[in-house]
Amino acid sequence: MTTRRGFFVGRFQPFHDGHRQLTEHIAEEVDELVVGIGSAGDSHTVHNPFTAGERIMMITKTLESLPITSYAVPIEDLNRNSVWVSHIESMAPRFDIAYSNNPLVVRLFQEADIPVRQTKLFDRSDLKGSEIREQMIDGEDWEQHVPEAVIEVIDEIDGIERIQSVSQVGSIDPD
């Protein structure tokens, strides 16, 4: 029997309940899941406050409860879309199907002849990384939108103080 492995990529700044629900949905369709941590080289900005290693911790601890094996793999930005999929393939375990709702990502996987499945977005009005980061900066109730493991990691790394500090810097964040 061949293992069916799926691939799901995102920045996960932070990994939130929408991501968790999506991975649970994907777990019903595949035997193993590779989670690609995009923009792995970026951190300490309002747009990308957490390091790849911190995001690996968030994801690994959250996905321990899945009934399938999962892998978290850092993927650094190339800024060359024509070779992006081959870059991912060189960094990640082999996978059979990709999951994304991003039109560019879907197109790039399709051009590489990799099947892509688009999925439902879970509670997208509340579960957006940018909104959760704003709540962190403003001292609002961001914890309600992320798994307990993510709260633990952010507490461990003093992530709230970090994002609040870098939000005051202003011009270092390109987005």
Protein backbone atom coordinates (compact mmCIF):
# COMPACT_ATOMS: atom_id res chain seq x y z
CA MET A 1 0.00 0.00 0.00
CA THR A 2 1.33 3.43 -0.97
CA THR A 3 1.26 6.27 1.52
CA ARG A 4 -0.80 9.22 0.31
CA ARG A 5 0.88 12.41 1.46
CA GLY A 6 -0.56 15.92 1.26
CA PHE A 7 1.19 19.28 1.31
CA PHE A 8 -0.18 22.48 2.83
CA VAL A 9 1.81 25.73 2.80
CA GLY A 10 1.32 28.98 4.67
CA ARG A 11 3.20 31.57 6.70
CA PHE A 12 1.35 30.62 9.91
CA GLN A 13 2.02 33.94 11.66
CA PRO A 14 0.63 32.55 13.96
CA PHE A 15 -0.83 29.07 13.35
CA HIS A 16 -4.51 29.65 14.22
CA ASP A 17 -7.74 27.68 14.61
CA GLY A 18 -8.56 28.04 10.90
CA HIS A 19 -5.25 26.36 10.06
CA ARG A 20 -5.94 23.67 12.67
CA GLN A 21 -9.40 22.97 11.25
CA LEU A 22 -7.99 22.83 7.73
CA THR A 23 -5.29 20.34 8.75
CA GLU A 24 -7.95 18.20 10.46
CA HIS A 25 -9.95 18.24 7.22
CA ILE A 26 -6.88 17.32 5.15
CA ALA A 27 -6.08 14.49 7.61
CA GLU A 28 -9.32 12.81 6.55
CA GLU A 29 -8.04 12.56 2.96
CA VAL A 30 -4.35 11.64 3.32
CA ASP A 31 -2.13 9.29 5.35
CA GLU A 32 0.52 11.91 6.10
CA LEU A 33 0.68 15.70 5.97
CA VAL A 34 3.61 17.95 5.14
CA VAL A 35 3.14 21.50 6.41
CA GLY A 36 5.35 23.95 4.53
CA ILE A 37 6.26 26.98 6.62
CA GLY A 38 6.53 29.77 4.08
CA SER A 39 8.71 32.86 4.41
CA ALA A 40 10.90 30.79 6.74
CA GLY A 41 13.69 33.36 6.70
CA ASP A 42 11.48 36.21 7.90
CA SER A 43 10.88 37.11 11.55
CA HIS A 44 10.74 39.96 14.06
CA THR A 45 8.41 42.18 12.02
CA VAL A 46 4.72 42.94 12.45
CA HIS A 47 3.95 40.93 9.28
CA ASN A 48 6.22 38.01 10.26
CA PRO A 49 6.84 38.18 14.02
CA PHE A 50 7.77 34.54 14.62
CA THR A 51 10.82 32.58 13.45
CA ALA A 52 10.53 29.39 11.42
CA GLY A 53 11.63 27.41 14.47
CA GLU A 54 8.94 28.99 16.62
CA ARG A 55 6.31 28.23 13.99
CA ILE A 56 7.58 24.63 13.78
CA MET A 57 6.99 24.36 17.53
CA MET A 58 3.47 25.83 17.23
CA ILE A 59 2.53 23.48 14.40
CA THR A 60 4.20 20.32 15.73
CA LYS A 61 2.65 20.66 19.17
CA THR A 62 -0.79 21.42 17.71
CA LEU A 63 -0.76 18.57 15.19
CA GLU A 64 0.30 15.92 17.71
CA SER A 65 -3.38 15.13 18.15
CA LEU A 66 -3.95 14.34 14.46
CA PRO A 67 -4.53 10.67 13.67
CA ILE A 68 -1.86 10.87 10.95
CA THR A 69 1.86 11.61 10.79
CA SER A 70 2.71 15.22 10.06
CA TYR A 71 5.94 17.01 9.20
CA ALA A 72 6.67 20.74 9.45
CA VAL A 73 9.22 21.91 6.88
CA PRO A 74 10.63 25.45 6.60
CA ILE A 75 10.44 26.92 3.08
CA GLU A 76 12.45 30.07 2.42
CA ASP A 77 11.19 32.60 -0.10
CA LEU A 78 12.76 32.50 -3.55
CA ASN A 79 10.91 35.39 -5.19
CA ARG A 80 11.00 33.40 -8.45
CA ASN A 81 7.59 31.88 -9.03
CA SER A 82 8.67 29.81 -12.03
CA VAL A 83 10.89 27.60 -9.83
CA TRP A 84 8.94 27.79 -6.56
CA VAL A 85 7.36 24.32 -6.77
CA SER A 86 10.67 22.62 -7.58
CA HIS A 87 12.19 24.50 -4.62
CA ILE A 88 9.45 23.11 -2.37
CA GLU A 89 9.97 19.62 -3.76
CA SER A 90 13.68 19.89 -2.93
CA MET A 91 12.93 20.92 0.69
CA ALA A 92 9.95 18.71 1.57
CA PRO A 93 9.22 14.99 1.68
CA ARG A 94 7.57 13.68 -1.49
CA PHE A 95 3.87 14.54 -1.63
CA ASP A 96 0.99 13.52 -3.90
CA ILE A 97 -1.43 16.39 -3.57
CA ALA A 98 -1.22 20.04 -2.55
CA TYR A 99 -3.87 22.00 -0.67
CA SER A 100 -4.28 25.74 -1.17
CA ASN A 101 -6.84 28.47 -1.77
CA ASN A 102 -4.26 30.97 -2.97
CA PRO A 103 -4.80 31.46 -6.74
CA LEU A 104 -1.09 31.87 -7.47
CA VAL A 105 -0.12 28.79 -5.44
CA VAL A 106 -2.86 26.75 -7.14
CA ARG A 107 -1.61 27.87 -10.56
CA LEU A 108 2.04 27.07 -9.78
CA PHE A 109 1.22 23.55 -8.57
CA GLN A 110 -1.05 22.94 -11.57
CA GLU A 111 1.70 24.04 -13.97
CA ALA A 112 4.00 21.52 -12.23
CA ASP A 113 1.37 18.78 -12.78
CA ILE A 114 0.72 18.36 -9.07
CA PRO A 115 -2.93 17.87 -8.18
CA VAL A 116 -4.30 20.71 -6.06
CA ARG A 117 -7.38 20.65 -3.91
CA GLN A 118 -8.96 23.86 -2.77
CA THR A 119 -10.60 23.71 0.63
CA LYS A 120 -13.20 25.46 2.66
CA LEU A 121 -12.00 28.49 4.60
CA PHE A 122 -12.90 28.12 8.26
CA ASP A 123 -14.41 31.18 9.98
CA ARG A 124 -12.33 33.49 7.78
CA SER A 125 -13.96 36.64 9.17
CA ASP A 126 -12.32 36.03 12.59
CA LEU A 127 -9.43 33.75 11.69
CA LYS A 128 -6.96 35.90 9.80
CA GLY A 129 -3.33 36.11 10.83
CA SER A 130 -3.26 39.88 10.28
CA GLU A 131 -6.26 40.37 12.58
CA ILE A 132 -4.79 38.11 15.27
CA ARG A 133 -1.47 39.98 15.12
CA GLU A 134 -3.34 43.30 15.49
CA GLN A 135 -5.13 41.91 18.54
CA MET A 136 -1.75 40.91 20.01
CA ILE A 137 -0.39 44.41 19.43
CA ASP A 138 -3.48 46.05 20.92
CA GLY A 139 -3.58 43.76 23.99
CA GLU A 140 -6.93 42.27 22.93
CA ASP A 141 -8.18 38.68 23.31
CA TRP A 142 -6.17 36.93 20.57
CA GLU A 143 -5.94 33.64 22.49
CA GLN A 144 -9.51 32.66 21.56
CA HIS A 145 -8.40 32.24 17.92
CA VAL A 146 -5.43 29.89 18.33
CA PRO A 147 -4.84 26.38 19.69
CA GLU A 148 -3.59 26.03 23.26
CA ALA A 149 -0.18 24.83 22.03
CA VAL A 150 0.28 28.12 20.13
CA ILE A 151 -0.51 30.16 23.24
CA GLU A 152 2.09 28.13 25.14
CA VAL A 153 4.78 28.74 22.51
CA ILE A 154 4.02 32.46 22.26
CA ASP A 155 4.17 32.72 26.06
CA GLU A 156 7.47 30.80 26.14
CA ILE A 157 9.14 33.12 23.61
CA ASP A 158 7.58 36.31 25.01
CA GLY A 159 5.95 36.75 21.60
CA ILE A 160 3.45 39.41 22.65
CA GLU A 161 6.19 41.70 23.92
CA ARG A 162 8.11 41.06 20.67
CA ILE A 163 5.26 41.95 18.32
CA GLN A 164 4.35 44.97 20.41
CA SER A 165 7.98 46.15 20.31
CA VAL A 166 8.43 45.68 16.57
CA SER A 167 5.10 47.37 15.90
CA GLN A 168 6.57 50.55 17.39
CA VAL A 169 9.60 50.45 15.12
CA GLY A 170 7.42 51.29 12.12
CA SER A 171 9.49 51.35 8.97
CA ILE A 172 11.30 47.98 9.19
CA ASP A 173 8.20 46.01 8.14
CA PRO A 174 7.86 46.09 4.34
CA ASP A 175 4.12 45.29 4.36
